[in-house]
PDB file of N, CA and C in Angstrom:
ATOM      1  N   MET A   1      71.117  67.260 167.087  1.00  0.00           N
ATOM      2  CA  MET A   1      70.330  66.588 166.321  1.00  0.00           C
ATOM      3  C   MET A   1      70.732  66.677 164.787  1.00  0.00           C
ATOM      4  N   SER A   2      71.845  67.267 164.528  1.00  0.00           N
ATOM      5  CA  SER A   2      72.436  67.471 163.238  1.00  0.00           C
ATOM      6  C   SER A   2      73.083  66.157 162.638  1.00  0.00           C
ATOM      7  N   THR A   3      72.906  65.780 161.322  1.00  0.00           N
ATOM      8  CA  THR A   3      73.342  64.629 160.810  1.00  0.00           C
ATOM      9  C   THR A   3      74.510  65.143 159.911  1.00  0.00           C
ATOM     10  N   THR A   4      75.606  64.275 159.911  1.00  0.00           N
ATOM     11  CA  THR A   4      76.771  64.664 159.060  1.00  0.00           C
ATOM     12  C   THR A   4      76.439  64.368 157.684  1.00  0.00           C
ATOM     13  N   LYS A   5      76.907  65.141 156.660  1.00  0.00           N
ATOM     14  CA  LYS A   5      76.809  64.956 155.335  1.00  0.00           C
ATOM     15  C   LYS A   5      77.762  64.002 154.772  1.00  0.00           C
ATOM     16  N   LYS A   6      77.224  63.173 153.774  1.00  0.00           N
ATOM     17  CA  LYS A   6      78.114  62.297 153.258  1.00  0.00           C
ATOM     18  C   LYS A   6      78.919  62.814 152.168  1.00  0.00           C
ATOM     19  N   LYS A   7      80.167  62.568 152.172  1.00  0.00           N
ATOM     20  CA  LYS A   7      81.119  63.094 151.085  1.00  0.00           C
ATOM     21  C   LYS A   7      81.124  62.030 149.995  1.00  0.00           C
ATOM     22  N   PRO A   8      81.287  62.609 148.777  1.00  0.00           N
ATOM     23  CA  PRO A   8      81.353  61.464 147.515  1.00  0.00           C
ATOM     24  C   PRO A   8      82.723  60.956 147.750  1.00  0.00           C
ATOM     25  N   PRO A   9      82.811  59.557 147.345  1.00  0.00           N
ATOM     26  CA  PRO A   9      84.074  58.918 147.545  1.00  0.00           C
ATOM     27  C   PRO A   9      85.246  59.564 146.626  1.00  0.00           C
ATOM     28  N   ILE A  10      86.382  59.524 147.187  1.00  0.00           N
ATOM     29  CA  ILE A  10      87.623  60.267 146.552  1.00  0.00           C
ATOM     30  C   ILE A  10      87.854  59.626 145.289  1.00  0.00           C
ATOM     31  N   SER A  11      87.742  58.281 145.324  1.00  0.00           N
ATOM     32  CA  SER A  11      88.197  57.511 144.091  1.00  0.00           C
ATOM     33  C   SER A  11      87.463  57.975 142.877  1.00  0.00           C
ATOM     34  N   HIS A  12      86.133  58.214 142.920  1.00  0.00           N
ATOM     35  CA  HIS A  12      85.345  58.717 141.758  1.00  0.00           C
ATOM     36  C   HIS A  12      85.797  59.921 141.320  1.00  0.00           C
ATOM     37  N   GLN A  13      86.289  60.918 142.147  1.00  0.00           N
ATOM     38  CA  GLN A  13      86.867  62.113 141.727  1.00  0.00           C
ATOM     39  C   GLN A  13      88.181  62.010 141.046  1.00  0.00           C
ATOM     40  N   LYS A  14      89.036  61.131 141.395  1.00  0.00           N
ATOM     41  CA  LYS A  14      90.358  60.835 140.741  1.00  0.00           C
ATOM     42  C   LYS A  14      90.095  60.260 139.311  1.00  0.00           C
ATOM     43  N   GLN A  15      89.131  59.146 139.333  1.00  0.00           N
ATOM     44  CA  GLN A  15      88.910  58.756 137.991  1.00  0.00           C
ATOM     45  C   GLN A  15      88.419  59.704 137.022  1.00  0.00           C
ATOM     46  N   GLN A  16      87.356  60.624 137.334  1.00  0.00           N
ATOM     47  CA  GLN A  16      86.859  61.607 136.477  1.00  0.00           C
ATOM     48  C   GLN A  16      88.171  62.586 135.969  1.00  0.00           C
ATOM     49  N   GLN A  17      89.020  62.878 136.949  1.00  0.00           N
ATOM     50  CA  GLN A  17      90.152  63.670 136.570  1.00  0.00           C
ATOM     51  C   GLN A  17      91.067  63.079 135.526  1.00  0.00           C
ATOM     52  N   GLN A  18      91.211  61.712 135.726  1.00  0.00           N
ATOM     53  CA  GLN A  18      92.111  60.913 134.845  1.00  0.00           C
ATOM     54  C   GLN A  18      91.605  60.798 133.515  1.00  0.00           C
ATOM     55  N   VAL A  19      90.288  60.694 133.396  1.00  0.00           N
ATOM     56  CA  VAL A  19      89.694  60.660 132.036  1.00  0.00           C
ATOM     57  C   VAL A  19      89.848  61.979 131.315  1.00  0.00           C
ATOM     58  N   ASN A  20      89.495  63.077 132.021  1.00  0.00           N
ATOM     59  CA  ASN A  20      89.780  64.431 131.548  1.00  0.00           C
ATOM     60  C   ASN A  20      91.182  64.632 130.970  1.00  0.00           C
ATOM     61  N   ARG A  21      92.177  64.042 131.757  1.00  0.00           N
ATOM     62  CA  ARG A  21      93.669  64.331 131.394  1.00  0.00           C
ATOM     63  C   ARG A  21      93.776  63.592 130.283  1.00  0.00           C
ATOM     64  N   LYS A  22      93.316  62.236 129.999  1.00  0.00           N
ATOM     65  CA  LYS A  22      93.489  61.503 128.843  1.00  0.00           C
ATOM     66  C   LYS A  22      93.019  62.296 127.641  1.00  0.00           C
ATOM     67  N   ALA A  23      91.801  62.818 127.749  1.00  0.00           N
ATOM     68  CA  ALA A  23      91.146  63.530 126.639  1.00  0.00           C
ATOM     69  C   ALA A  23      92.059  64.713 126.240  1.00  0.00           C
ATOM     70  N   LEU A  24      92.581  65.369 127.155  1.00  0.00           N
ATOM     71  CA  LEU A  24      93.478  66.560 126.921  1.00  0.00           C
ATOM     72  C   LEU A  24      94.728  66.069 126.127  1.00  0.00           C
ATOM     73  N   ILE A  25      95.058  64.999 126.659  1.00  0.00           N
ATOM     74  CA  ILE A  25      96.469  64.486 125.759  1.00  0.00           C
ATOM     75  C   ILE A  25      96.073  64.133 124.317  1.00  0.00           C
ATOM     76  N   TRP A  26      94.880  63.475 124.203  1.00  0.00           N
ATOM     77  CA  TRP A  26      94.527  63.132 122.718  1.00  0.00           C
ATOM     78  C   TRP A  26      94.324  64.366 121.887  1.00  0.00           C
ATOM     79  N   ILE A  27      93.518  65.303 122.391  1.00  0.00           N
ATOM     80  CA  ILE A  27      93.450  66.470 121.674  1.00  0.00           C
ATOM     81  C   ILE A  27      94.699  67.214 121.477  1.00  0.00           C
ATOM     82  N   GLY A  28      95.593  67.348 122.266  1.00  0.00           N
ATOM     83  CA  GLY A  28      96.795  67.965 122.027  1.00  0.00           C
ATOM     84  C   GLY A  28      97.708  67.178 121.069  1.00  0.00           C
ATOM     85  N   ALA A  29      97.560  65.831 121.014  1.00  0.00           N
ATOM     86  CA  ALA A  29      98.270  65.029 120.032  1.00  0.00           C
ATOM     87  C   ALA A  29      97.729  65.258 118.625  1.00  0.00           C
ATOM     88  N   ALA A  30      96.408  65.258 118.670  1.00  0.00           N
ATOM     89  CA  ALA A  30      95.886  65.565 117.335  1.00  0.00           C
ATOM     90  C   ALA A  30      96.153  66.945 116.836  1.00  0.00           C
ATOM     91  N   PHE A  31      96.280  67.876 117.716  1.00  0.00           N
ATOM     92  CA  PHE A  31      96.567  69.172 117.142  1.00  0.00           C
ATOM     93  C   PHE A  31      97.998  69.292 116.661  1.00  0.00           C
ATOM     94  N   VAL A  32      98.803  68.603 117.344  1.00  0.00           N
ATOM     95  CA  VAL A  32     100.183  68.567 116.871  1.00  0.00           C
ATOM     96  C   VAL A  32     100.500  67.997 115.622  1.00  0.00           C
ATOM     97  N   VAL A  33      99.617  66.803 115.292  1.00  0.00           N
ATOM     98  CA  VAL A  33      99.760  66.155 114.026  1.00  0.00           C
ATOM     99  C   VAL A  33      99.202  67.092 112.871  1.00  0.00           C
ATOM    100  N   ILE A  34      98.072  67.779 113.238  1.00  0.00           N
ATOM    101  CA  ILE A  34      97.537  68.665 112.190  1.00  0.00           C
ATOM    102  C   ILE A  34      98.593  69.836 111.771  1.00  0.00           C
ATOM    103  N   VAL A  35      99.129  70.433 112.846  1.00  0.00           N
ATOM    104  CA  VAL A  35      99.975  71.418 112.644  1.00  0.00           C
ATOM    105  C   VAL A  35     101.343  71.059 111.891  1.00  0.00           C
ATOM    106  N   ALA A  36     101.751  69.797 112.157  1.00  0.00           N
ATOM    107  CA  ALA A  36     102.985  69.169 111.497  1.00  0.00           C
ATOM    108  C   ALA A  36     102.583  69.002 110.116  1.00  0.00           C
ATOM    109  N   ALA A  37     101.308  68.375 109.700  1.00  0.00           N
ATOM    110  CA  ALA A  37     100.911  68.036 108.434  1.00  0.00           C
ATOM    111  C   ALA A  37     100.868  69.447 107.676  1.00  0.00           C
ATOM    112  N   VAL A  38     100.306  70.428 108.220  1.00  0.00           N
ATOM    113  CA  VAL A  38     100.302  71.713 107.567  1.00  0.00           C
ATOM    114  C   VAL A  38     101.627  72.290 107.244  1.00  0.00           C
ATOM    115  N   ALA A  39     102.548  72.177 108.233  1.00  0.00           N
ATOM    116  CA  ALA A  39     103.804  72.787 108.084  1.00  0.00           C
ATOM    117  C   ALA A  39     104.587  72.028 106.798  1.00  0.00           C
ATOM    118  N   VAL A  40     104.505  70.607 106.792  1.00  0.00           N
ATOM    119  CA  VAL A  40     105.048  69.913 105.648  1.00  0.00           C
ATOM    120  C   VAL A  40     104.484  70.295 104.404  1.00  0.00           C
ATOM    121  N   MET A  41     103.261  70.549 104.241  1.00  0.00           N
ATOM    122  CA  MET A  41     102.463  70.932 102.990  1.00  0.00           C
ATOM    123  C   MET A  41     103.027  72.343 102.554  1.00  0.00           C
ATOM    124  N   LEU A  42     103.065  73.193 103.476  1.00  0.00           N
ATOM    125  CA  LEU A  42     103.581  74.584 103.258  1.00  0.00           C
ATOM    126  C   LEU A  42     105.114  74.532 102.833  1.00  0.00           C
ATOM    127  N   ALA A  43     105.834  73.621 103.247  1.00  0.00           N
ATOM    128  CA  ALA A  43     107.342  73.502 103.043  1.00  0.00           C
ATOM    129  C   ALA A  43     107.377  72.856 101.541  1.00  0.00           C
ATOM    130  N   LEU A  44     106.456  72.012 101.245  1.00  0.00           N
ATOM    131  CA  LEU A  44     106.562  71.413  99.888  1.00  0.00           C
ATOM    132  C   LEU A  44     105.738  72.049  98.934  1.00  0.00           C
ATOM    133  N   ASN A  45     105.165  73.168  99.254  1.00  0.00           N
ATOM    134  CA  ASN A  45     104.201  73.908  98.166  1.00  0.00           C
ATOM    135  C   ASN A  45     103.058  73.101  97.624  1.00  0.00           C
ATOM    136  N   VAL A  46     102.470  72.324  98.605  1.00  0.00           N
ATOM    137  CA  VAL A  46     101.370  71.488  98.042  1.00  0.00           C
ATOM    138  C   VAL A  46     100.192  72.192  98.006  1.00  0.00           C
TER     139      VAL A  46
END
């Protein structure tokens, strides 16, 4: 009399992981731009 539990669709899990990956890429790119700008300012003594 036991019923099987429904598993969440796999496509939903992949989509959520892809969004997180894109967010990490954007954050990483922004961090690199900020570090590069600070390095240029330090090099030019601004």
